Protein backbone atom coordinates (compact mmCIF):
# COMPACT_ATOMS: atom_id res chain seq x y z
CA MET A 1 -43.66 -10.01 14.24
CA LYS A 2 -41.90 -10.57 10.92
CA PRO A 3 -40.47 -7.58 9.05
CA LEU A 4 -42.28 -6.30 5.97
CA ALA A 5 -40.81 -5.16 2.65
CA VAL A 6 -42.72 -2.94 0.23
CA LEU A 7 -41.41 -3.50 -3.30
CA GLY A 8 -42.45 -1.86 -6.56
CA THR A 9 -42.83 -3.01 -10.14
CA GLY A 10 -40.78 0.08 -11.00
CA SER A 11 -39.70 3.52 -9.85
CA ASP A 12 -42.36 5.97 -8.64
CA ALA A 13 -44.90 3.19 -8.06
CA GLY A 14 -45.79 4.74 -4.70
CA LYS A 15 -43.60 2.74 -2.30
CA THR A 16 -42.58 5.74 -0.20
CA THR A 17 -46.08 7.00 0.48
CA LEU A 18 -47.43 3.48 1.07
CA VAL A 19 -44.74 2.83 3.69
CA MET A 20 -45.64 6.17 5.26
CA ALA A 21 -49.31 5.19 5.38
CA LEU A 22 -48.55 1.74 6.81
CA CYS A 23 -46.37 3.32 9.51
CA ARG A 24 -49.29 5.50 10.60
CA ILE A 25 -51.84 2.67 10.30
CA PHE A 26 -49.82 0.26 12.45
CA ALA A 27 -48.80 2.98 14.92
CA ASP A 28 -52.50 3.78 15.38
CA GLN A 29 -53.01 0.11 16.28
CA GLY A 30 -50.44 0.39 19.06
CA ILE A 31 -47.61 -1.36 17.18
CA LYS A 32 -44.12 0.07 17.66
CA VAL A 33 -43.10 0.44 14.01
CA ALA A 34 -40.07 1.89 12.23
CA PRO A 35 -39.37 2.61 8.53
CA PHE A 36 -36.22 1.49 6.74
CA LYS A 37 -34.58 2.03 3.39
CA ALA A 38 -31.18 0.44 2.97
CA GLN A 39 -30.06 2.77 0.21
CA ASN A 40 -31.75 5.92 -1.02
CA VAL A 41 -30.75 8.17 -3.89
CA SER A 42 -31.95 11.68 -3.17
CA ASN A 43 -30.67 15.22 -2.74
CA ASN A 44 -33.61 15.89 -0.43
CA SER A 45 -32.30 15.12 3.04
CA ALA A 46 -32.67 16.19 6.65
CA VAL A 47 -30.71 16.10 9.89
CA THR A 48 -31.70 13.89 12.81
CA GLN A 49 -31.29 14.76 16.48
CA GLU A 50 -28.20 12.54 16.42
CA GLY A 51 -26.57 15.02 14.03
CA ARG A 52 -26.80 12.57 11.12
CA GLU A 53 -28.13 13.03 7.59
CA ILE A 54 -30.84 10.83 6.06
CA SER A 55 -33.37 11.03 3.26
CA ARG A 56 -36.43 13.24 3.79
CA ALA A 57 -38.59 10.26 2.80
CA GLN A 58 -37.54 8.27 5.86
CA CYS A 59 -38.04 11.36 8.04
CA LEU A 60 -41.60 11.61 6.74
CA GLN A 61 -42.20 7.91 7.42
CA ALA A 62 -40.85 8.32 10.95
CA GLU A 63 -43.17 11.28 11.48
CA ALA A 64 -46.07 9.10 10.38
CA ALA A 65 -44.95 6.41 12.87
CA ARG A 66 -44.77 9.11 15.56
CA ILE A 67 -41.11 8.42 16.34
CA GLU A 68 -37.90 10.44 16.10
CA PRO A 69 -35.95 9.97 12.86
CA SER A 70 -32.69 8.04 13.16
CA TYR A 71 -29.75 7.36 10.87
CA LEU A 72 -30.63 3.67 11.28
CA PHE A 73 -33.66 4.23 9.05
CA ASN A 74 -31.46 5.03 6.03
CA PRO A 75 -27.90 3.68 6.47
CA VAL A 76 -26.77 4.49 2.90
CA LEU A 77 -27.70 7.72 1.13
CA LEU A 78 -26.39 8.76 -2.28
CA LYS A 79 -26.47 12.40 -3.36
CA SER A 80 -25.79 13.24 -6.98
CA GLN A 81 -22.89 15.59 -7.68
CA GLY A 82 -23.04 15.46 -11.47
CA SER A 83 -20.53 13.99 -13.93
CA HIS A 84 -21.40 10.42 -12.81
CA ALA A 85 -20.21 11.21 -9.27
CA VAL A 86 -22.09 10.70 -6.01
CA GLN A 87 -21.54 11.74 -2.43
CA VAL A 88 -21.85 8.58 -0.34
CA ILE A 89 -23.30 9.02 3.14
CA VAL A 90 -22.99 6.03 5.47
CA ASN A 91 -24.80 5.92 8.80
CA GLY A 92 -25.68 9.57 8.38
CA LEU A 93 -22.13 10.87 7.84
CA VAL A 94 -20.24 11.69 4.65
CA TYR A 95 -18.06 8.73 3.69
CA LYS A 96 -16.61 9.96 0.39
CA SER A 97 -17.41 11.23 -3.08
CA GLN A 98 -16.81 8.69 -5.81
CA THR A 99 -17.90 7.49 -9.21
CA THR A 100 -20.77 5.05 -9.53
CA VAL A 101 -18.32 2.35 -10.61
CA ASP A 102 -16.19 2.84 -7.49
CA TYR A 103 -19.31 2.86 -5.32
CA TYR A 104 -20.41 -0.54 -6.60
CA GLU A 105 -16.95 -1.97 -5.98
CA GLU A 106 -17.48 -1.30 -2.26
CA ILE A 107 -21.00 -2.69 -2.10
CA ASP A 108 -20.07 -5.66 0.10
CA SER A 109 -18.75 -3.44 2.87
CA LEU A 110 -21.94 -1.35 2.67
CA LYS A 111 -24.01 -4.49 3.12
CA GLN A 112 -22.51 -4.86 6.58
CA HIS A 113 -23.77 -1.40 7.57
CA VAL A 114 -27.23 -2.22 6.22
CA GLN A 115 -27.33 -5.47 8.17
CA GLN A 116 -26.22 -3.81 11.39
CA ALA A 117 -28.81 -1.03 11.09
CA PHE A 118 -31.68 -3.40 10.32
CA SER A 119 -30.70 -5.73 13.18
CA ARG A 120 -30.64 -2.80 15.62
CA LEU A 121 -34.12 -1.76 14.53
CA GLN A 122 -35.44 -5.28 15.00
CA GLN A 123 -34.25 -5.17 18.58
CA ASP A 124 -35.92 -1.81 19.27
CA TYR A 125 -39.18 -2.13 17.31
CA GLU A 126 -41.95 -4.68 16.95
CA LEU A 127 -42.21 -4.11 13.21
CA VAL A 128 -39.74 -2.83 10.63
CA ILE A 129 -41.14 -1.82 7.23
CA ALA A 130 -38.45 -1.78 4.55
CA GLU A 131 -38.97 0.25 1.39
CA GLY A 132 -37.52 -1.17 -1.81
CA ALA A 133 -35.89 0.86 -4.56
CA GLY A 134 -36.96 0.95 -8.20
CA SER A 135 -37.66 -2.60 -9.34
CA PRO A 136 -36.52 -5.72 -7.44
CA VAL A 137 -35.76 -7.55 -10.71
CA GLU A 138 -33.04 -5.44 -12.30
CA LEU A 139 -31.19 -8.63 -13.24
CA ASN A 140 -27.89 -6.96 -14.10
CA LEU A 141 -27.71 -5.33 -10.67
CA LEU A 142 -29.00 -8.03 -8.31
CA ASP A 143 -25.61 -8.57 -6.67
CA LYS A 144 -25.34 -4.81 -6.10
CA ASP A 145 -28.92 -4.32 -4.89
CA LEU A 146 -29.02 -3.19 -1.25
CA SER A 147 -32.68 -2.20 -0.92
CA ASN A 148 -34.52 -5.13 -2.50
CA THR A 149 -33.08 -8.65 -2.75
CA TYR A 150 -30.41 -8.19 -0.09
CA VAL A 151 -32.87 -7.00 2.55
CA THR A 152 -35.69 -9.41 1.71
CA ASN A 153 -33.45 -12.48 1.63
CA THR A 154 -31.17 -11.58 4.53
CA PHE A 155 -34.03 -10.82 6.91
CA ASN A 156 -36.66 -13.17 5.47
CA THR A 157 -39.18 -10.35 5.14
CA LYS A 158 -42.79 -10.76 4.14
CA ASN A 159 -43.22 -8.87 0.90
CA ILE A 160 -45.81 -6.70 -0.81
CA LEU A 161 -45.60 -5.72 -4.47
CA VAL A 162 -46.90 -2.27 -5.50
CA ALA A 163 -47.96 -1.73 -9.12
CA ASP A 164 -48.65 1.68 -10.66
CA ILE A 165 -51.74 1.38 -12.85
CA GLU A 166 -51.56 5.00 -14.01
CA ARG A 167 -48.58 4.45 -16.29
CA GLY A 168 -50.27 1.52 -18.08
CA GLY A 169 -49.22 -2.09 -18.54
CA VAL A 170 -50.10 -3.04 -14.99
CA PHE A 171 -50.73 -6.75 -15.75
CA ALA A 172 -47.47 -7.15 -17.66
CA SER A 173 -45.52 -5.33 -14.95
CA ILE A 174 -46.93 -7.61 -12.23
CA TYR A 175 -46.52 -10.82 -14.20
CA GLY A 176 -43.04 -9.93 -15.41
CA THR A 177 -41.85 -8.94 -11.94
CA MET A 178 -43.18 -12.17 -10.44
CA ALA A 179 -41.60 -14.27 -13.18
CA LEU A 180 -38.17 -12.71 -12.68
CA MET A 181 -38.36 -12.43 -8.90
CA ASP A 182 -35.83 -14.18 -6.67
CA PRO A 183 -37.34 -17.49 -5.42
CA VAL A 184 -36.99 -16.57 -1.73
CA MET A 185 -38.54 -13.16 -2.31
CA ARG A 186 -41.35 -14.73 -4.32
CA SER A 187 -42.11 -17.38 -1.65
CA ASN A 188 -42.67 -14.60 0.91
CA LEU A 189 -44.90 -12.50 -1.34
CA ILE A 190 -48.17 -11.70 0.48
CA GLY A 191 -49.91 -10.03 -2.43
CA VAL A 192 -50.02 -7.04 -4.72
CA ILE A 193 -51.40 -3.53 -4.26
CA ILE A 194 -52.72 -1.68 -7.30
CA ASN A 195 -51.82 1.97 -6.83
CA LYS A 196 -52.91 5.31 -8.36
CA PHE A 197 -56.25 4.04 -9.67
CA ARG A 198 -58.51 6.70 -11.16
CA GLY A 199 -62.22 6.31 -11.84
CA ASP A 200 -64.86 3.87 -10.66
CA ARG A 201 -63.39 1.01 -8.62
CA GLN A 202 -65.86 -1.56 -10.03
CA PHE A 203 -64.16 -1.34 -13.42
CA PHE A 204 -61.16 -3.16 -11.99
CA ASP A 205 -63.12 -6.07 -10.48
CA GLU A 206 -62.33 -8.21 -13.52
CA GLY A 207 -58.68 -7.12 -13.36
CA GLU A 208 -58.47 -8.22 -9.74
CA LYS A 209 -59.91 -11.61 -10.67
CA ILE A 210 -57.33 -12.02 -13.45
CA ILE A 211 -54.44 -11.30 -11.08
CA ARG A 212 -55.84 -13.66 -8.45
CA ASP A 213 -56.82 -16.54 -10.73
CA ARG A 214 -54.23 -16.43 -13.51
CA PHE A 215 -51.24 -15.08 -11.58
CA GLY A 216 -52.04 -16.79 -8.28
CA LEU A 217 -51.48 -13.56 -6.36
CA PRO A 218 -53.96 -11.97 -3.93
CA VAL A 219 -54.86 -8.33 -4.52
CA LEU A 220 -54.53 -6.65 -1.13
CA GLY A 221 -56.03 -3.39 -2.27
CA VAL A 222 -56.77 -1.00 -5.10
CA LEU A 223 -55.71 2.45 -3.93
CA PRO A 224 -57.11 5.57 -5.56
CA PHE A 225 -54.78 8.24 -6.90
CA LEU A 226 -53.87 10.23 -3.79
CA PRO A 227 -51.56 13.23 -4.23
CA LEU A 228 -49.45 13.92 -1.14
CA ASN A 229 -48.16 17.46 -1.07
CA ILE A 230 -45.46 17.18 1.58
CA ASP A 231 -41.84 16.00 1.62
CA MET A 232 -41.39 15.45 -2.08
CA GLU A 233 -38.68 12.82 -2.55
CA ASP A 234 -37.29 13.85 -5.92
CA ILE A 235 -37.62 16.32 -8.76
CA GLN A 236 -40.29 14.16 -10.42
CA SER A 237 -42.48 14.52 -7.32
CA LEU A 238 -41.97 18.28 -7.51
CA LYS A 239 -43.26 18.28 -11.10
CA ASN A 240 -46.38 16.40 -9.98
CA TYR A 241 -47.09 18.73 -7.06
CA GLN A 242 -50.58 20.21 -6.89
CA GLN A 243 -50.68 23.73 -5.47
CA ARG A 244 -53.46 24.69 -3.12
CA VAL A 245 -54.19 28.05 -4.76
CA GLY A 246 -56.93 30.26 -3.33
CA ASP A 247 -57.04 34.03 -2.82
CA VAL A 248 -53.49 34.70 -4.04
CA LYS A 249 -51.77 37.63 -2.34
CA ILE A 250 -48.14 37.04 -3.30
CA ARG A 251 -46.46 35.61 -6.41
CA ILE A 252 -43.15 33.83 -5.80
CA ALA A 253 -40.53 32.86 -8.37
CA VAL A 254 -38.56 29.79 -7.19
CA ILE A 255 -35.32 29.33 -9.11
CA VAL A 256 -35.03 25.62 -9.98
CA TYR A 257 -31.38 25.11 -10.80
CA PRO A 258 -30.14 21.68 -11.95
CA GLY A 259 -28.70 20.84 -8.51
CA LEU A 260 -31.79 21.86 -6.54
CA SER A 261 -31.92 20.13 -3.17
CA ASN A 262 -34.01 20.13 -0.01
CA TYR A 263 -37.09 21.16 -1.94
CA ASN A 264 -39.21 20.30 1.09
CA ASP A 265 -38.67 24.00 1.91
CA LEU A 266 -41.20 24.58 -0.88
CA ASP A 267 -43.90 22.36 0.67
CA VAL A 268 -45.32 25.01 2.97
CA LEU A 269 -45.27 27.66 0.25
CA MET A 270 -47.12 25.49 -2.25
CA ALA A 271 -49.65 24.50 0.42
CA ASP A 272 -50.43 28.13 1.25
CA PRO A 273 -53.54 29.23 -0.71
CA GLU A 274 -52.43 32.86 -0.52
CA LEU A 275 -49.18 32.17 -2.36
CA TYR A 276 -48.64 31.34 -6.00
CA VAL A 277 -45.35 29.55 -6.62
CA GLU A 278 -43.88 29.42 -10.12
CA LEU A 279 -40.94 27.10 -10.74
CA VAL A 280 -38.41 28.93 -12.92
CA HIS A 281 -36.27 26.50 -14.93
CA GLY A 282 -34.53 29.03 -17.18
CA ASN A 283 -34.25 32.67 -18.07
CA CYS A 284 -37.47 34.63 -17.62
CA LEU A 285 -38.54 38.13 -16.71
CA LEU A 286 -38.89 38.29 -12.93
CA GLY A 287 -40.51 41.72 -12.74
CA SER A 288 -44.08 40.39 -12.39
CA PHE A 289 -43.23 38.49 -9.19
CA ASP A 290 -43.44 39.83 -5.66
CA MET A 291 -40.54 37.74 -4.36
CA VAL A 292 -37.70 35.53 -5.59
CA LEU A 293 -36.57 32.44 -3.68
CA LEU A 294 -33.09 30.95 -4.16
CA PRO A 295 -33.48 27.50 -2.56
CA GLY A 296 -30.89 24.92 -1.52
CA SER A 297 -28.39 23.37 -3.93
CA LYS A 298 -26.26 20.25 -3.82
CA THR A 299 -23.85 21.78 -6.37
CA VAL A 300 -23.78 25.46 -5.45
CA ILE A 301 -20.94 26.66 -7.68
CA ARG A 302 -22.20 24.72 -10.71
CA ASP A 303 -25.70 26.12 -10.16
CA LEU A 304 -24.30 29.63 -9.74
CA GLN A 305 -22.60 29.22 -13.11
CA TRP A 306 -25.94 28.02 -14.50
CA LEU A 307 -27.59 31.25 -13.26
CA LYS A 308 -25.01 33.21 -15.24
CA GLN A 309 -25.45 31.10 -18.36
CA GLN A 310 -29.24 31.42 -18.22
CA GLY A 311 -29.24 35.18 -17.73
CA LEU A 312 -30.91 34.81 -14.33
CA PHE A 313 -27.82 36.17 -12.56
CA THR A 314 -28.47 39.63 -14.06
CA GLN A 315 -32.23 39.31 -13.56
CA ILE A 316 -31.73 38.67 -9.84
CA LEU A 317 -29.37 41.61 -9.42
CA GLN A 318 -31.92 43.90 -11.09
CA PHE A 319 -34.83 42.62 -8.96
CA THR A 320 -35.72 45.28 -6.36
CA LYS A 321 -38.38 43.38 -4.43
CA PRO A 322 -37.71 40.79 -1.66
CA ILE A 323 -35.20 38.03 -2.38
CA PHE A 324 -34.75 35.10 0.00
CA GLY A 325 -31.73 32.78 -0.06
CA LEU A 326 -31.77 29.36 1.60
CA CYS A 327 -28.51 27.51 2.31
CA GLY A 328 -26.93 27.22 -1.15
CA GLY A 329 -29.05 30.19 -2.25
CA PHE A 330 -27.65 32.13 0.73
CA GLN A 331 -24.10 31.31 -0.39
CA MET A 332 -24.76 32.45 -3.97
CA LEU A 333 -25.58 35.93 -2.66
CA CYS A 334 -22.06 36.40 -1.26
CA GLN A 335 -19.03 38.09 -2.85
CA SER A 336 -17.17 34.92 -3.81
CA LEU A 337 -17.22 31.16 -3.25
CA HIS A 338 -13.92 29.38 -2.56
CA ASP A 339 -13.62 25.61 -2.97
CA PRO A 340 -9.91 24.80 -2.45
CA ASP A 341 -10.46 21.07 -1.88
CA ALA A 342 -13.05 20.50 -4.65
CA LEU A 343 -15.78 19.60 -2.14
CA ASP A 344 -18.57 21.34 -4.05
CA TYR A 345 -17.13 21.46 -7.57
CA ASP A 346 -15.18 19.05 -9.79
CA VAL A 347 -11.89 20.89 -9.27
CA ALA A 348 -10.54 23.55 -6.92
CA ILE A 349 -12.13 26.85 -7.92
CA VAL A 350 -13.03 30.39 -6.88
CA GLU A 351 -16.34 31.66 -8.31
CA ASP A 352 -17.77 35.17 -8.09
CA GLY A 353 -21.15 35.29 -6.38
CA LEU A 354 -23.99 37.79 -6.73
CA GLY A 355 -22.07 40.05 -4.37
CA VAL A 356 -24.96 41.52 -2.41
CA ILE A 357 -23.68 40.08 0.90
CA ASP A 358 -20.23 41.26 1.98
CA ASP A 359 -18.88 37.83 2.88
CA ILE A 360 -16.82 34.98 1.44
CA VAL A 361 -17.93 31.35 1.34
CA THR A 362 -15.29 28.65 1.91
CA TYR A 363 -16.08 24.97 1.49
CA GLN A 364 -14.55 22.80 4.20
CA ASN A 365 -14.97 19.42 5.84
CA PRO A 366 -16.62 18.21 7.95
CA LYS A 367 -20.11 18.95 6.71
CA ILE A 368 -22.15 20.93 9.25
CA LEU A 369 -25.05 18.76 10.41
CA GLN A 370 -27.18 20.32 13.11
CA SER A 371 -30.83 20.24 14.08
CA GLY A 372 -32.73 22.16 16.72
CA TYR A 373 -34.02 25.63 17.54
CA TYR A 374 -32.24 28.69 16.20
CA GLN A 375 -32.16 32.40 17.02
CA LEU A 376 -32.71 33.93 13.60
CA PHE A 377 -33.45 37.51 12.64
CA SER A 378 -35.58 38.79 15.56
CA TYR A 379 -36.97 35.36 16.47
CA THR A 380 -35.71 33.40 19.47
CA ALA A 381 -36.70 29.84 18.57
CA ILE A 382 -37.21 28.76 14.97
CA LYS A 383 -37.02 25.00 14.49
CA GLY A 384 -34.88 23.86 11.60
CA TYR A 385 -31.68 22.18 10.53
CA GLU A 386 -28.34 22.90 8.83
CA ILE A 387 -26.68 20.71 6.22
CA HIS A 388 -23.79 22.38 4.38
CA CYS A 389 -20.01 22.47 3.86
CA GLY A 390 -19.93 26.18 3.02
CA ARG A 391 -18.73 28.42 5.85
CA MET A 392 -18.97 32.20 6.11
CA GLY A 393 -17.00 34.48 8.43
CA LYS A 394 -19.29 37.48 8.92
CA TYR A 395 -22.72 35.90 8.57
CA PRO A 396 -22.40 32.19 9.44
CA LEU A 397 -26.10 31.64 10.11
CA PHE A 398 -28.24 34.39 8.56
CA TYR A 399 -28.27 37.79 6.90
CA GLN A 400 -30.86 40.54 6.54
CA GLY A 401 -30.33 43.81 4.71
CA GLY A 402 -32.13 45.84 2.07
CA ASN A 403 -34.41 43.56 0.07
CA PHE A 404 -32.33 40.46 0.94
CA THR A 405 -33.00 37.86 3.61
CA ALA A 406 -30.99 34.67 3.82
CA THR A 407 -30.12 31.79 6.13
CA HIS A 408 -28.36 28.43 6.26
CA VAL A 409 -31.29 27.00 8.25
CA HIS A 410 -33.75 24.84 6.37
CA GLY A 411 -37.37 24.80 7.54
CA VAL A 412 -37.71 28.48 8.47
CA PHE A 413 -40.92 28.91 6.49
CA ASP A 414 -42.50 26.04 8.44
CA ASP A 415 -42.53 28.43 11.43
CA ASP A 416 -45.92 30.13 11.33
CA ALA A 417 -44.83 33.29 13.15
CA PHE A 418 -41.82 33.95 10.93
CA ARG A 419 -43.67 33.08 7.73
CA ASN A 420 -46.65 35.26 8.58
CA ASP A 421 -44.49 38.27 9.46
CA TYR A 422 -42.30 37.89 6.38
CA PHE A 423 -45.18 37.73 3.92
CA LYS A 424 -47.25 40.40 5.68
CA ALA A 425 -44.31 42.74 5.14
CA ILE A 426 -44.67 42.03 1.42
CA ASN A 427 -48.47 42.30 1.41
CA PRO A 428 -50.28 43.44 4.60
CA SER A 429 -53.46 41.62 3.49
CA TYR A 430 -51.72 38.24 3.86
CA HIS A 431 -53.34 36.15 6.65
CA GLY A 432 -51.32 32.92 6.91
CA PHE A 433 -52.27 29.43 8.09
CA ASN A 434 -51.24 26.73 10.56
CA TYR A 435 -48.80 24.56 8.68
CA GLY A 436 -48.37 21.99 11.46
CA GLN A 437 -52.09 21.21 11.44
CA TYR A 438 -52.12 21.06 7.64
CA ARG A 439 -49.16 18.68 7.57
CA GLU A 440 -50.67 16.31 10.14
CA ALA A 441 -53.98 16.36 8.27
CA GLN A 442 -52.15 15.39 5.07
CA ILE A 443 -50.48 12.38 6.73
CA GLN A 444 -53.56 11.18 8.61
CA GLY A 445 -55.89 11.80 5.70
CA PHE A 446 -53.66 9.84 3.35
CA ALA A 447 -53.43 6.93 5.80
CA ASP A 448 -57.19 6.94 6.34
CA ARG A 449 -57.86 6.66 2.61
CA VAL A 450 -55.38 3.78 2.35
CA VAL A 451 -57.11 1.94 5.21
CA GLU A 452 -60.44 2.25 3.41
CA ASN A 453 -59.03 0.45 0.36
CA LEU A 454 -56.53 -2.01 1.84
CA ASP A 455 -56.86 -5.45 3.43
CA VAL A 456 -54.81 -4.59 6.52
CA ASN A 457 -55.94 -7.72 8.40
CA SER A 458 -54.45 -10.04 5.78
CA ILE A 459 -51.15 -8.21 6.03
CA LEU A 460 -51.14 -8.48 9.82
CA LEU A 461 -51.96 -12.18 9.70
CA ALA A 462 -49.05 -12.80 7.33
CA LEU A 463 -46.68 -10.87 9.59
CA GLN A 464 -47.76 -12.81 12.65
CA ALA A 465 -47.73 -16.26 11.02
CA ASP A 466 -45.08 -18.78 12.13
């Protein structure tokens, strides 16, 4: 079976969720399928069982395919560190931090890692579905493009183009992308999918005819707007998140600092109808909230300085109700943060923390990458993962004292028992819900809606053609 590439007319066209849906659809048909993204740019990452770090998006796609995530699914991951610098992760391990210019100068060596990963997946799986990045026709970057032209041409993939109708200009975006598309990529184009359509489907019948007759491109499907409230890939997805608010028992203030990372920790909270989550982007009075959450951060010291500049530092210290710190948020609660090798900050620095935890954070290599079950608080087996350079002597894994609870382990709120006990202590009338069932229903429900509106048979025929 030939590999498939899902390309977009632009960023946020819906490539990630479509690949997720296709992974579930083909897995349900008994096909051994794996997702792939040569290069992802995201601070939202997870740790595989191999002890490697990849984008959360590829983890979600692997979950949909019912397979274990692997570093092979995302061989190059870039994490923003501010000031035009990125942390480059190759095959799931930190390679180096460098400027964007320096990164592009090494693009040829990175192509080798992409080729090796894709080739391994082709040996192990019947079908590999590669997700593109942004637009495949950024003409000034084609020689530096790992996720679009390089993959499609190197592996002779069959290609699907996804167009976002919600942002307008869908015909121009399709026509322009086709006109500028690499000839090899264009020759393998199966068709286009119109995504995020709102309203009555019959109103696009004429539009479908125009694309088919005037552009010479089959329309494989017109997908309705389908919000997916799990594993948000970037901060834009977080802004578009739709809370499932019901009988609210607890109001939570989530501090959204500029370097916010691993915001998938918020998924379960926003999906809980008994919780109201407010994203706090600047100074505000926290007194009306029942809890404050300090989530993960890719730039902990810079975000701690931001708390001070915004006035939130003082607000947090004056807050007497429960405060929860996750990873970078955990580190901010300590006495001081030491970065002698400039791993977290631009230069070597010592920064005073909130000081409520009697411990010192020191940033060291190598980055801690672990995944599994943890003994946390009074619980013997909470599933989660660690991904941090900050190390603490007294409380390396978790802390609990007074109104403060904190841990380096991401995913703790996904555990129903821990989450229920924690929030019942805040409000005894809290009931809780089964997050695992909710999450699976989100994935399957999304895939089912895609199937209803997609010509899957035409895609399969193209993949099986000689």
